[in-house]
Amino acid sequence: MNITLSIEERIVDSAREAARKMGKSLNQAVRDYLEQLAGSAMVLGLLPSPAPVNVGGHAWPCWYPRHPWAAG
């Protein structure tokens, strides 16, 4: 399935660089994140409140250990 997102250019540039540092394309990093997000929906009731992770100037909820590319 293909999806279209509207994201500020500076965020895309920063995310692409972060993905490159992880040895991934931005597309693969987004795919991986969506897989994690989908998996978290199945166990959401069993996990504590999410810790905010600052990525690209936006605080995202995170139920997983912090990634090295995620500041904050």
C-alpha atoms as a PDB file:
ATOM      1  CA  MET A   1       0.000   0.000   0.000  1.00  0.00           C
ATOM      2  CA  ASN A   2       1.198   3.511  -0.729  1.00  0.00           C
ATOM      3  CA  ILE A   3       0.439   6.472   1.522  1.00  0.00           C
ATOM      4  CA  THR A   4       0.997  10.193   1.044  1.00  0.00           C
ATOM      5  CA  LEU A   5       2.078  12.438   3.904  1.00  0.00           C
ATOM      6  CA  SER A   6       2.340  16.194   4.185  1.00  0.00           C
ATOM      7  CA  ILE A   7       5.484  16.953   6.232  1.00  0.00           C
ATOM      8  CA  GLU A   8       7.606  20.074   6.507  1.00  0.00           C
ATOM      9  CA  GLU A   9      10.772  19.891   4.412  1.00  0.00           C
ATOM     10  CA  ARG A  10      13.068  20.518   7.391  1.00  0.00           C
ATOM     11  CA  ILE A  11      11.530  17.560   9.226  1.00  0.00           C
ATOM     12  CA  VAL A  12      11.946  15.295   6.222  1.00  0.00           C
ATOM     13  CA  ASP A  13      15.575  16.385   5.825  1.00  0.00           C
ATOM     14  CA  SER A  14      16.322  15.726   9.510  1.00  0.00           C
ATOM     15  CA  ALA A  15      14.490  12.392   9.458  1.00  0.00           C
ATOM     16  CA  ARG A  16      16.282  11.308   6.279  1.00  0.00           C
ATOM     17  CA  GLU A  17      19.654  12.090   7.896  1.00  0.00           C
ATOM     18  CA  ALA A  18      18.681  10.192  11.066  1.00  0.00           C
ATOM     19  CA  ALA A  19      17.590   7.201   8.966  1.00  0.00           C
ATOM     20  CA  ARG A  20      20.846   7.321   7.009  1.00  0.00           C
ATOM     21  CA  LYS A  21      22.791   7.174  10.292  1.00  0.00           C
ATOM     22  CA  MET A  22      20.810   4.040  11.162  1.00  0.00           C
ATOM     23  CA  GLY A  23      21.732   2.529   7.788  1.00  0.00           C
ATOM     24  CA  LYS A  24      18.181   2.833   6.471  1.00  0.00           C
ATOM     25  CA  SER A  25      16.281   4.817   3.914  1.00  0.00           C
ATOM     26  CA  LEU A  26      13.621   7.200   5.202  1.00  0.00           C
ATOM     27  CA  ASN A  27      11.026   4.908   3.646  1.00  0.00           C
ATOM     28  CA  GLN A  28      12.358   1.901   5.607  1.00  0.00           C
ATOM     29  CA  ALA A  29      12.536   3.905   8.853  1.00  0.00           C
ATOM     30  CA  VAL A  30       8.887   4.965   8.437  1.00  0.00           C
ATOM     31  CA  ARG A  31       7.882   1.361   7.635  1.00  0.00           C
ATOM     32  CA  ASP A  32       9.685   0.132  10.756  1.00  0.00           C
ATOM     33  CA  TYR A  33       8.005   2.797  12.889  1.00  0.00           C
ATOM     34  CA  LEU A  34       4.550   1.910  11.547  1.00  0.00           C
ATOM     35  CA  GLU A  35       5.191  -1.773  12.299  1.00  0.00           C
ATOM     36  CA  GLN A  36       6.114  -0.827  15.879  1.00  0.00           C
ATOM     37  CA  LEU A  37       3.052   1.393  16.156  1.00  0.00           C
ATOM     38  CA  ALA A  38       0.766  -1.362  14.887  1.00  0.00           C
ATOM     39  CA  GLY A  39       2.328  -3.834  17.305  1.00  0.00           C
ATOM     40  CA  SER A  40       1.940  -1.468  20.238  1.00  0.00           C
ATOM     41  CA  ALA A  41      -1.795  -1.242  19.581  1.00  0.00           C
ATOM     42  CA  MET A  42      -2.098  -4.941  20.442  1.00  0.00           C
ATOM     43  CA  VAL A  43      -0.425  -4.593  23.846  1.00  0.00           C
ATOM     44  CA  LEU A  44      -1.324  -1.007  24.691  1.00  0.00           C
ATOM     45  CA  GLY A  45      -3.357  -1.961  27.730  1.00  0.00           C
ATOM     46  CA  LEU A  46      -0.396  -3.816  29.220  1.00  0.00           C
ATOM     47  CA  LEU A  47       2.141  -1.006  28.982  1.00  0.00           C
ATOM     48  CA  PRO A  48       2.737   2.060  31.176  1.00  0.00           C
ATOM     49  CA  SER A  49       2.028   5.551  29.885  1.00  0.00           C
ATOM     50  CA  PRO A  50       4.254   6.445  26.965  1.00  0.00           C
ATOM     51  CA  ALA A  51       7.341   8.564  27.484  1.00  0.00           C
ATOM     52  CA  PRO A  52       7.522  11.515  25.067  1.00  0.00           C
ATOM     53  CA  VAL A  53      10.355  11.386  22.552  1.00  0.00           C
ATOM     54  CA  ASN A  54      11.338  14.567  20.743  1.00  0.00           C
ATOM     55  CA  VAL A  55      11.860  13.916  17.029  1.00  0.00           C
ATOM     56  CA  GLY A  56      12.022  16.792  14.602  1.00  0.00           C
ATOM     57  CA  GLY A  57      10.757  19.262  17.191  1.00  0.00           C
ATOM     58  CA  HIS A  58       7.626  17.193  17.916  1.00  0.00           C
ATOM     59  CA  ALA A  59       7.071  15.130  21.068  1.00  0.00           C
ATOM     60  CA  TRP A  60       5.891  11.655  20.021  1.00  0.00           C
ATOM     61  CA  PRO A  61       4.646   9.029  22.469  1.00  0.00           C
ATOM     62  CA  CYS A  62       7.046   6.121  22.706  1.00  0.00           C
ATOM     63  CA  TRP A  63       6.348   2.746  24.316  1.00  0.00           C
ATOM     64  CA  TYR A  64       9.721   1.377  23.228  1.00  0.00           C
ATOM     65  CA  PRO A  65      13.247   2.006  24.506  1.00  0.00           C
ATOM     66  CA  ARG A  66      14.535   5.302  23.211  1.00  0.00           C
ATOM     67  CA  HIS A  67      16.319   5.138  19.895  1.00  0.00           C
ATOM     68  CA  PRO A  68      19.801   6.656  19.620  1.00  0.00           C
ATOM     69  CA  TRP A  69      18.525   9.090  16.965  1.00  0.00           C
ATOM     70  CA  ALA A  70      15.697  10.387  19.156  1.00  0.00           C
ATOM     71  CA  ALA A  71      16.758  13.382  21.203  1.00  0.00           C
ATOM     72  CA  GLY A  72      15.024  14.234  24.449  1.00  0.00           C
END
